[in-house]
N, C-alpha and C. Protein backbone atom coordinates (compact mmCIF):
# COMPACT_ATOMS: atom_id res chain seq x y z
N MET A 1 -3.16 -5.30 22.53
CA MET A 1 -4.14 -4.81 21.58
C MET A 1 -4.30 -5.84 20.48
N ASN A 2 -5.52 -6.12 20.11
CA ASN A 2 -5.79 -7.02 19.00
C ASN A 2 -5.92 -6.21 17.72
N LEU A 3 -5.09 -6.53 16.75
CA LEU A 3 -5.15 -5.82 15.47
C LEU A 3 -6.29 -6.36 14.63
N PRO A 4 -6.85 -5.52 13.76
CA PRO A 4 -7.95 -5.95 12.90
C PRO A 4 -7.52 -7.08 11.97
N THR A 5 -8.46 -7.91 11.63
CA THR A 5 -8.22 -8.97 10.65
C THR A 5 -8.92 -8.60 9.36
N ASN A 6 -8.65 -9.34 8.30
CA ASN A 6 -9.30 -9.10 7.02
C ASN A 6 -10.65 -9.82 6.93
N GLU A 7 -11.00 -10.55 7.96
CA GLU A 7 -12.25 -11.28 7.96
C GLU A 7 -13.40 -10.30 8.19
N PRO A 8 -14.42 -10.36 7.35
CA PRO A 8 -15.53 -9.41 7.49
C PRO A 8 -16.36 -9.70 8.73
N ASN A 9 -16.70 -8.63 9.46
CA ASN A 9 -17.63 -8.68 10.58
C ASN A 9 -17.27 -9.70 11.67
N THR A 10 -15.97 -9.96 11.90
CA THR A 10 -15.60 -10.86 12.98
C THR A 10 -15.79 -10.17 14.33
N ARG A 11 -15.66 -8.85 14.36
CA ARG A 11 -15.87 -8.05 15.57
C ARG A 11 -16.54 -6.75 15.18
N ASP A 12 -17.00 -6.08 16.16
CA ASP A 12 -17.61 -4.78 15.93
C ASP A 12 -16.53 -3.79 15.47
N ASP A 13 -16.71 -3.22 14.30
CA ASP A 13 -15.72 -2.30 13.73
C ASP A 13 -15.46 -1.09 14.63
N GLN A 14 -16.50 -0.56 15.24
CA GLN A 14 -16.33 0.62 16.09
C GLN A 14 -15.50 0.27 17.33
N ALA A 15 -15.73 -0.90 17.90
CA ALA A 15 -14.95 -1.32 19.07
C ALA A 15 -13.49 -1.50 18.70
N GLN A 16 -13.25 -2.04 17.51
CA GLN A 16 -11.87 -2.21 17.04
C GLN A 16 -11.19 -0.85 16.88
N LEU A 17 -11.91 0.09 16.31
CA LEU A 17 -11.36 1.43 16.13
C LEU A 17 -11.03 2.07 17.47
N GLU A 18 -11.94 1.97 18.42
CA GLU A 18 -11.71 2.55 19.74
C GLU A 18 -10.51 1.89 20.43
N SER A 19 -10.37 0.58 20.27
CA SER A 19 -9.24 -0.14 20.85
C SER A 19 -7.93 0.35 20.23
N PHE A 20 -7.92 0.53 18.92
CA PHE A 20 -6.72 1.01 18.25
C PHE A 20 -6.37 2.43 18.70
N ILE A 21 -7.35 3.29 18.77
CA ILE A 21 -7.10 4.68 19.18
C ILE A 21 -6.56 4.73 20.60
N SER A 22 -7.12 3.90 21.47
CA SER A 22 -6.64 3.84 22.84
C SER A 22 -5.18 3.39 22.88
N TRP A 23 -4.86 2.35 22.13
CA TRP A 23 -3.49 1.85 22.06
C TRP A 23 -2.56 2.92 21.49
N PHE A 24 -3.01 3.59 20.42
CA PHE A 24 -2.21 4.62 19.76
C PHE A 24 -1.90 5.77 20.71
N ARG A 25 -2.89 6.18 21.51
CA ARG A 25 -2.69 7.28 22.45
C ARG A 25 -1.66 6.96 23.52
N GLN A 26 -1.48 5.69 23.80
CA GLN A 26 -0.52 5.28 24.83
C GLN A 26 0.93 5.25 24.31
N LEU A 27 1.10 5.35 23.02
CA LEU A 27 2.45 5.36 22.45
C LEU A 27 3.13 6.70 22.74
N ASP A 28 4.46 6.67 22.77
CA ASP A 28 5.23 7.91 22.89
C ASP A 28 5.04 8.74 21.63
N GLY A 29 5.21 10.06 21.76
CA GLY A 29 5.06 10.97 20.63
C GLY A 29 5.84 10.56 19.38
N PRO A 30 7.15 10.26 19.51
CA PRO A 30 7.92 9.87 18.33
C PRO A 30 7.38 8.58 17.67
N ASP A 31 6.90 7.64 18.50
CA ASP A 31 6.33 6.42 17.94
C ASP A 31 5.02 6.70 17.21
N GLN A 32 4.23 7.62 17.74
CA GLN A 32 3.00 8.01 17.06
C GLN A 32 3.31 8.62 15.70
N LEU A 33 4.30 9.53 15.67
CA LEU A 33 4.68 10.17 14.41
C LEU A 33 5.18 9.14 13.39
N GLU A 34 6.00 8.20 13.86
CA GLU A 34 6.53 7.18 12.96
C GLU A 34 5.41 6.30 12.41
N LEU A 35 4.49 5.92 13.26
CA LEU A 35 3.37 5.10 12.81
C LEU A 35 2.49 5.85 11.81
N MET A 36 2.26 7.13 12.07
CA MET A 36 1.47 7.94 11.12
C MET A 36 2.17 8.03 9.77
N ARG A 37 3.50 8.21 9.79
CA ARG A 37 4.26 8.26 8.54
C ARG A 37 4.15 6.94 7.78
N LEU A 38 4.29 5.83 8.50
CA LEU A 38 4.20 4.51 7.87
C LEU A 38 2.83 4.29 7.23
N VAL A 39 1.78 4.63 7.96
CA VAL A 39 0.43 4.43 7.44
C VAL A 39 0.20 5.33 6.23
N TYR A 40 0.64 6.56 6.32
CA TYR A 40 0.45 7.49 5.19
C TYR A 40 1.22 7.02 3.96
N ASN A 41 2.47 6.58 4.16
CA ASN A 41 3.27 6.08 3.03
C ASN A 41 2.63 4.84 2.42
N GLU A 42 2.14 3.94 3.26
CA GLU A 42 1.46 2.73 2.77
C GLU A 42 0.24 3.12 1.95
N HIS A 43 -0.51 4.10 2.43
CA HIS A 43 -1.70 4.56 1.70
C HIS A 43 -1.31 5.13 0.34
N LYS A 44 -0.24 5.93 0.30
CA LYS A 44 0.21 6.51 -0.97
C LYS A 44 0.63 5.42 -1.95
N VAL A 45 1.37 4.42 -1.46
CA VAL A 45 1.83 3.33 -2.32
C VAL A 45 0.64 2.57 -2.88
N ARG A 46 -0.32 2.25 -2.02
CA ARG A 46 -1.50 1.52 -2.49
C ARG A 46 -2.28 2.33 -3.51
N ASP A 47 -2.35 3.64 -3.33
CA ASP A 47 -3.05 4.50 -4.27
C ASP A 47 -2.36 4.47 -5.63
N VAL A 48 -1.03 4.52 -5.62
CA VAL A 48 -0.27 4.45 -6.87
C VAL A 48 -0.48 3.10 -7.56
N VAL A 49 -0.44 2.01 -6.78
CA VAL A 49 -0.65 0.68 -7.35
C VAL A 49 -2.05 0.58 -7.95
N ARG A 50 -3.04 1.10 -7.26
CA ARG A 50 -4.42 1.06 -7.80
C ARG A 50 -4.51 1.87 -9.10
N THR A 51 -3.83 3.01 -9.14
CA THR A 51 -3.83 3.82 -10.36
C THR A 51 -3.21 3.04 -11.51
N PHE A 52 -2.03 2.43 -11.27
CA PHE A 52 -1.40 1.63 -12.31
C PHE A 52 -2.26 0.44 -12.69
N SER A 53 -2.97 -0.15 -11.73
CA SER A 53 -3.80 -1.31 -12.00
C SER A 53 -4.92 -0.99 -12.98
N GLY A 54 -5.37 0.25 -12.98
CA GLY A 54 -6.45 0.66 -13.88
C GLY A 54 -5.98 1.05 -15.27
N MET A 55 -4.68 1.12 -15.48
CA MET A 55 -4.14 1.52 -16.78
C MET A 55 -3.98 0.32 -17.71
N PRO A 56 -4.19 0.53 -19.00
CA PRO A 56 -3.85 -0.52 -19.96
C PRO A 56 -2.34 -0.81 -19.91
N MET A 57 -1.95 -2.02 -20.25
CA MET A 57 -0.55 -2.44 -20.13
C MET A 57 0.40 -1.52 -20.91
N GLU A 58 0.00 -1.09 -22.10
CA GLU A 58 0.87 -0.22 -22.91
C GLU A 58 1.13 1.11 -22.21
N GLN A 59 0.09 1.65 -21.59
CA GLN A 59 0.24 2.92 -20.88
C GLN A 59 1.14 2.74 -19.66
N ARG A 60 0.98 1.63 -18.95
CA ARG A 60 1.85 1.35 -17.80
C ARG A 60 3.31 1.29 -18.23
N GLN A 61 3.56 0.55 -19.32
CA GLN A 61 4.94 0.41 -19.79
C GLN A 61 5.54 1.76 -20.14
N ALA A 62 4.76 2.62 -20.79
CA ALA A 62 5.25 3.95 -21.15
C ALA A 62 5.58 4.77 -19.90
N VAL A 63 4.70 4.72 -18.89
CA VAL A 63 4.94 5.47 -17.66
C VAL A 63 6.17 4.93 -16.93
N PHE A 64 6.29 3.59 -16.85
CA PHE A 64 7.43 2.99 -16.17
C PHE A 64 8.73 3.37 -16.86
N GLN A 65 8.74 3.38 -18.19
CA GLN A 65 9.95 3.75 -18.92
C GLN A 65 10.31 5.21 -18.66
N ARG A 66 9.31 6.09 -18.70
CA ARG A 66 9.59 7.51 -18.46
C ARG A 66 10.12 7.77 -17.05
N LEU A 67 9.60 7.02 -16.08
CA LEU A 67 10.03 7.21 -14.69
C LEU A 67 11.29 6.43 -14.35
N GLY A 68 11.73 5.54 -15.24
CA GLY A 68 12.91 4.74 -14.97
C GLY A 68 12.69 3.67 -13.93
N LEU A 69 11.46 3.19 -13.82
CA LEU A 69 11.14 2.14 -12.85
C LEU A 69 11.51 0.77 -13.41
N PRO A 70 11.93 -0.15 -12.55
CA PRO A 70 12.31 -1.49 -13.03
C PRO A 70 11.11 -2.25 -13.60
N ASN A 71 11.33 -2.97 -14.70
CA ASN A 71 10.27 -3.74 -15.33
C ASN A 71 9.72 -4.83 -14.41
N GLU A 72 10.55 -5.31 -13.48
CA GLU A 72 10.11 -6.33 -12.54
C GLU A 72 8.89 -5.84 -11.75
N MET A 73 8.86 -4.56 -11.42
CA MET A 73 7.73 -3.99 -10.68
C MET A 73 6.47 -4.04 -11.52
N LEU A 74 6.61 -3.82 -12.80
CA LEU A 74 5.46 -3.79 -13.70
C LEU A 74 4.71 -5.11 -13.69
N SER A 75 5.45 -6.21 -13.66
CA SER A 75 4.81 -7.53 -13.70
C SER A 75 4.11 -7.88 -12.39
N ARG A 76 4.38 -7.14 -11.33
CA ARG A 76 3.78 -7.44 -10.02
C ARG A 76 2.47 -6.71 -9.78
N ILE A 77 2.10 -5.81 -10.67
CA ILE A 77 0.85 -5.06 -10.53
C ILE A 77 -0.24 -5.84 -11.26
N PRO A 78 -1.39 -6.06 -10.61
CA PRO A 78 -2.45 -6.83 -11.25
C PRO A 78 -2.95 -6.16 -12.53
N PRO A 79 -3.38 -6.96 -13.50
CA PRO A 79 -3.91 -6.38 -14.74
C PRO A 79 -5.22 -5.64 -14.49
N PRO A 80 -5.61 -4.76 -15.42
CA PRO A 80 -6.82 -3.94 -15.22
C PRO A 80 -8.09 -4.75 -14.95
N SER A 81 -8.19 -5.95 -15.47
CA SER A 81 -9.40 -6.74 -15.29
C SER A 81 -9.37 -7.58 -14.02
N SER A 82 -8.31 -7.48 -13.27
CA SER A 82 -8.14 -8.32 -12.09
C SER A 82 -9.08 -7.92 -10.95
N ASP A 83 -9.55 -8.92 -10.23
CA ASP A 83 -10.38 -8.67 -9.05
C ASP A 83 -9.52 -8.29 -7.85
N GLN A 84 -8.21 -8.38 -7.97
CA GLN A 84 -7.31 -8.11 -6.84
C GLN A 84 -7.11 -6.62 -6.58
N ILE A 85 -7.62 -5.77 -7.44
CA ILE A 85 -7.33 -4.34 -7.32
C ILE A 85 -7.75 -3.77 -5.97
N GLY A 86 -8.85 -4.24 -5.42
CA GLY A 86 -9.33 -3.71 -4.15
C GLY A 86 -8.46 -4.10 -2.96
N ASP A 87 -7.72 -5.19 -3.07
CA ASP A 87 -6.93 -5.69 -1.95
C ASP A 87 -5.52 -5.97 -2.42
N VAL A 88 -4.77 -4.92 -2.67
CA VAL A 88 -3.45 -5.02 -3.27
C VAL A 88 -2.41 -5.34 -2.20
N GLU A 89 -1.58 -6.34 -2.46
CA GLU A 89 -0.47 -6.66 -1.57
C GLU A 89 0.74 -5.84 -2.02
N VAL A 90 1.32 -5.11 -1.11
CA VAL A 90 2.46 -4.26 -1.44
C VAL A 90 3.65 -4.73 -0.64
N GLU A 91 4.76 -4.96 -1.33
CA GLU A 91 5.99 -5.38 -0.67
C GLU A 91 6.99 -4.25 -0.80
N TRP A 92 7.53 -3.80 0.33
CA TRP A 92 8.51 -2.71 0.31
C TRP A 92 9.88 -3.27 -0.01
N LYS A 93 10.51 -2.70 -1.03
CA LYS A 93 11.89 -3.04 -1.36
C LYS A 93 12.60 -1.77 -1.75
N GLU A 94 13.80 -1.63 -1.28
CA GLU A 94 14.61 -0.50 -1.69
C GLU A 94 15.24 -0.84 -3.03
N TRP A 95 15.27 0.11 -3.94
CA TRP A 95 15.92 -0.13 -5.22
C TRP A 95 16.65 1.11 -5.66
N ASP A 96 17.67 0.89 -6.43
CA ASP A 96 18.54 1.95 -6.92
C ASP A 96 18.05 2.34 -8.31
N SER A 97 17.56 3.56 -8.47
CA SER A 97 17.03 4.00 -9.76
C SER A 97 18.11 4.03 -10.83
N GLY A 98 19.36 4.12 -10.43
CA GLY A 98 20.46 4.09 -11.39
C GLY A 98 20.61 2.73 -12.05
N LYS A 99 20.22 1.67 -11.36
CA LYS A 99 20.29 0.32 -11.92
C LYS A 99 19.12 -0.01 -12.80
N ALA A 100 18.05 0.78 -12.75
CA ALA A 100 16.83 0.46 -13.47
C ALA A 100 16.93 0.75 -14.96
N ARG A 101 17.88 1.54 -15.35
CA ARG A 101 17.98 1.93 -16.77
C ARG A 101 18.80 0.99 -17.58
């Protein structure tokens, strides 16, 4: 199966979707569930990053402090005026919330 690229209009979008659905249907049930969980979690993370991206820096800092999130994460979110908001790169890292304080 050929996975979609970020290049606009390199292939017919509908054909790509049909190819993906066909590939997905051939997966075992547990693999389908795992893939759906991964996609859903990625979507949630991107939504949170977009929300933070739209906040002024002072508001972000206040939210991060209240949630006990590491300051390192704050610096990785694009500023509100950034053009990167539509295409956010998300890197998964496990972190210990006890170390963040």
